[in-house]
Amino acid sequence: MKKVACPTCGTLALFSQANPWRPFCTERCRLIDLGAWATESYAIPAKPGEDDLPENDSDPESR
């Protein structure tokens, strides 16, 4: 059976269907990770683009 490091605490966790929280070791670690995403503690850096403009600024006739 393959074991992987839990992304939250680093404990080795079983990576199989026998572990319902995979790749996490416990439900607690899974919820900690989910909470970090929900509070935006994790972020993927991106450059501002056209999709980031307010809707009225993307209309060429409004310029």
N, C-alpha and C. Protein backbone atom coordinates (compact mmCIF):
# COMPACT_ATOMS: atom_id res chain seq x y z
N MET A 1 0.83 -1.18 0.00
CA MET A 1 0.00 0.00 0.00
C MET A 1 0.88 1.25 0.00
N LYS A 2 0.47 2.22 -0.81
CA LYS A 2 1.24 3.46 -0.94
C LYS A 2 0.87 4.42 0.20
N LYS A 3 1.88 5.05 0.77
CA LYS A 3 1.68 6.06 1.79
C LYS A 3 2.25 7.38 1.29
N VAL A 4 1.54 8.47 1.60
CA VAL A 4 1.97 9.81 1.21
C VAL A 4 1.96 10.70 2.44
N ALA A 5 2.72 11.78 2.38
CA ALA A 5 2.74 12.73 3.49
C ALA A 5 1.46 13.56 3.46
N CYS A 6 0.81 13.68 4.58
CA CYS A 6 -0.40 14.50 4.71
C CYS A 6 -0.02 15.95 4.39
N PRO A 7 -0.76 16.62 3.50
CA PRO A 7 -0.42 18.01 3.14
C PRO A 7 -0.52 18.97 4.32
N THR A 8 -1.27 18.63 5.35
CA THR A 8 -1.45 19.53 6.48
C THR A 8 -0.40 19.32 7.57
N CYS A 9 -0.22 18.08 7.99
CA CYS A 9 0.67 17.84 9.14
C CYS A 9 1.93 17.05 8.80
N GLY A 10 1.97 16.42 7.63
CA GLY A 10 3.16 15.69 7.22
C GLY A 10 3.19 14.23 7.64
N THR A 11 2.22 13.79 8.43
CA THR A 11 2.15 12.39 8.84
C THR A 11 1.92 11.51 7.62
N LEU A 12 2.53 10.33 7.60
CA LEU A 12 2.29 9.42 6.48
C LEU A 12 0.86 8.89 6.55
N ALA A 13 0.17 9.00 5.42
CA ALA A 13 -1.23 8.56 5.34
C ALA A 13 -1.38 7.56 4.21
N LEU A 14 -2.21 6.59 4.42
CA LEU A 14 -2.50 5.58 3.41
C LEU A 14 -3.23 6.22 2.25
N PHE A 15 -2.71 6.04 1.04
CA PHE A 15 -3.35 6.61 -0.16
C PHE A 15 -4.07 5.49 -0.89
N SER A 16 -5.24 5.16 -0.38
CA SER A 16 -6.07 4.12 -1.00
C SER A 16 -7.51 4.39 -0.63
N GLN A 17 -8.41 3.60 -1.19
CA GLN A 17 -9.82 3.77 -0.90
C GLN A 17 -10.14 3.46 0.56
N ALA A 18 -9.24 2.80 1.25
CA ALA A 18 -9.44 2.51 2.67
C ALA A 18 -9.36 3.77 3.53
N ASN A 19 -8.74 4.83 3.00
CA ASN A 19 -8.62 6.10 3.72
C ASN A 19 -9.58 7.10 3.09
N PRO A 20 -10.73 7.37 3.71
CA PRO A 20 -11.72 8.27 3.11
C PRO A 20 -11.27 9.72 3.03
N TRP A 21 -10.18 10.09 3.72
CA TRP A 21 -9.72 11.48 3.73
C TRP A 21 -8.49 11.69 2.86
N ARG A 22 -8.09 10.68 2.09
CA ARG A 22 -6.87 10.80 1.30
C ARG A 22 -6.86 12.07 0.47
N PRO A 23 -5.80 12.76 0.34
CA PRO A 23 -4.44 12.44 0.77
C PRO A 23 -4.15 12.85 2.21
N PHE A 24 -5.17 13.30 2.94
CA PHE A 24 -4.98 13.70 4.33
C PHE A 24 -5.01 12.49 5.24
N CYS A 25 -4.45 12.64 6.45
CA CYS A 25 -4.41 11.50 7.37
C CYS A 25 -5.70 11.38 8.17
N THR A 26 -6.38 12.50 8.41
CA THR A 26 -7.62 12.48 9.18
C THR A 26 -8.59 13.52 8.63
N GLU A 27 -9.83 13.42 9.07
CA GLU A 27 -10.82 14.43 8.68
C GLU A 27 -10.42 15.80 9.21
N ARG A 28 -9.81 15.85 10.38
CA ARG A 28 -9.38 17.12 10.96
C ARG A 28 -8.40 17.84 10.03
N CYS A 29 -7.41 17.12 9.52
CA CYS A 29 -6.44 17.74 8.60
C CYS A 29 -7.13 18.19 7.32
N ARG A 30 -8.09 17.43 6.84
CA ARG A 30 -8.83 17.81 5.63
C ARG A 30 -9.60 19.11 5.87
N LEU A 31 -10.23 19.23 7.04
CA LEU A 31 -11.00 20.43 7.35
C LEU A 31 -10.11 21.64 7.58
N ILE A 32 -8.94 21.44 8.15
CA ILE A 32 -7.98 22.54 8.31
C ILE A 32 -7.60 23.09 6.94
N ASP A 33 -7.32 22.19 5.99
CA ASP A 33 -6.96 22.60 4.64
C ASP A 33 -8.13 23.32 3.96
N LEU A 34 -9.32 22.79 4.10
CA LEU A 34 -10.51 23.42 3.51
C LEU A 34 -10.71 24.82 4.09
N GLY A 35 -10.53 24.96 5.39
CA GLY A 35 -10.66 26.26 6.04
C GLY A 35 -9.64 27.27 5.54
N ALA A 36 -8.44 26.80 5.26
CA ALA A 36 -7.40 27.70 4.73
C ALA A 36 -7.80 28.21 3.35
N TRP A 37 -8.38 27.36 2.51
CA TRP A 37 -8.86 27.82 1.20
C TRP A 37 -10.03 28.79 1.38
N ALA A 38 -10.96 28.48 2.28
CA ALA A 38 -12.15 29.30 2.48
C ALA A 38 -11.81 30.70 2.99
N THR A 39 -10.77 30.81 3.81
CA THR A 39 -10.37 32.11 4.33
C THR A 39 -9.32 32.79 3.45
N GLU A 40 -9.07 32.20 2.30
CA GLU A 40 -8.11 32.71 1.32
C GLU A 40 -6.69 32.80 1.86
N SER A 41 -6.34 31.89 2.79
CA SER A 41 -4.95 31.80 3.25
C SER A 41 -4.06 31.30 2.13
N TYR A 42 -4.64 30.47 1.26
CA TYR A 42 -3.94 30.01 0.08
C TYR A 42 -4.38 30.89 -1.08
N ALA A 43 -3.47 31.24 -1.93
CA ALA A 43 -3.82 32.02 -3.12
C ALA A 43 -2.89 31.64 -4.25
N ILE A 44 -3.42 31.66 -5.43
CA ILE A 44 -2.63 31.40 -6.62
C ILE A 44 -2.33 32.74 -7.25
N PRO A 45 -1.06 33.15 -7.29
CA PRO A 45 -0.73 34.47 -7.84
C PRO A 45 -1.05 34.54 -9.34
N ALA A 46 -1.58 35.66 -9.74
CA ALA A 46 -1.90 35.87 -11.15
C ALA A 46 -1.72 37.34 -11.49
N LYS A 47 -1.42 37.59 -12.75
CA LYS A 47 -1.32 38.96 -13.22
C LYS A 47 -2.72 39.44 -13.60
N PRO A 48 -3.02 40.70 -13.33
CA PRO A 48 -4.33 41.21 -13.72
C PRO A 48 -4.48 41.13 -15.25
N GLY A 49 -5.66 40.78 -15.67
CA GLY A 49 -5.93 40.68 -17.09
C GLY A 49 -7.26 41.32 -17.43
N GLU A 50 -7.67 41.14 -18.65
CA GLU A 50 -8.92 41.74 -19.09
C GLU A 50 -10.11 41.21 -18.30
N ASP A 51 -10.05 39.99 -17.85
CA ASP A 51 -11.16 39.42 -17.08
C ASP A 51 -11.33 40.10 -15.72
N ASP A 52 -10.30 40.81 -15.26
CA ASP A 52 -10.35 41.45 -13.96
C ASP A 52 -10.98 42.85 -14.01
N LEU A 53 -11.22 43.38 -15.21
CA LEU A 53 -11.80 44.71 -15.34
C LEU A 53 -13.27 44.69 -14.93
N PRO A 54 -13.74 45.78 -14.32
CA PRO A 54 -15.18 45.85 -14.05
C PRO A 54 -15.96 45.76 -15.35
N GLU A 55 -17.18 45.29 -15.28
CA GLU A 55 -17.96 45.02 -16.48
C GLU A 55 -18.14 46.26 -17.35
N ASN A 56 -18.39 47.44 -16.76
CA ASN A 56 -18.62 48.64 -17.56
C ASN A 56 -17.33 49.16 -18.22
N ASP A 57 -16.15 48.81 -17.70
CA ASP A 57 -14.88 49.23 -18.30
C ASP A 57 -14.51 48.40 -19.52
N SER A 58 -15.12 47.24 -19.69
CA SER A 58 -14.77 46.40 -20.82
C SER A 58 -15.55 46.77 -22.08
N ASP A 59 -16.52 47.68 -21.95
CA ASP A 59 -17.32 48.12 -23.10
C ASP A 59 -16.57 49.24 -23.83
N PRO A 60 -16.14 49.02 -25.10
CA PRO A 60 -15.38 50.05 -25.81
C PRO A 60 -16.17 51.34 -26.04
N GLU A 61 -17.48 51.28 -26.07
CA GLU A 61 -18.28 52.48 -26.30
C GLU A 61 -18.33 53.38 -25.08
N SER A 62 -18.02 52.85 -23.91
CA SER A 62 -18.06 53.65 -22.69
C SER A 62 -16.78 54.44 -22.48
N ARG A 63 -15.81 54.29 -23.35
CA ARG A 63 -14.53 55.02 -23.21
C ARG A 63 -14.54 56.32 -23.92
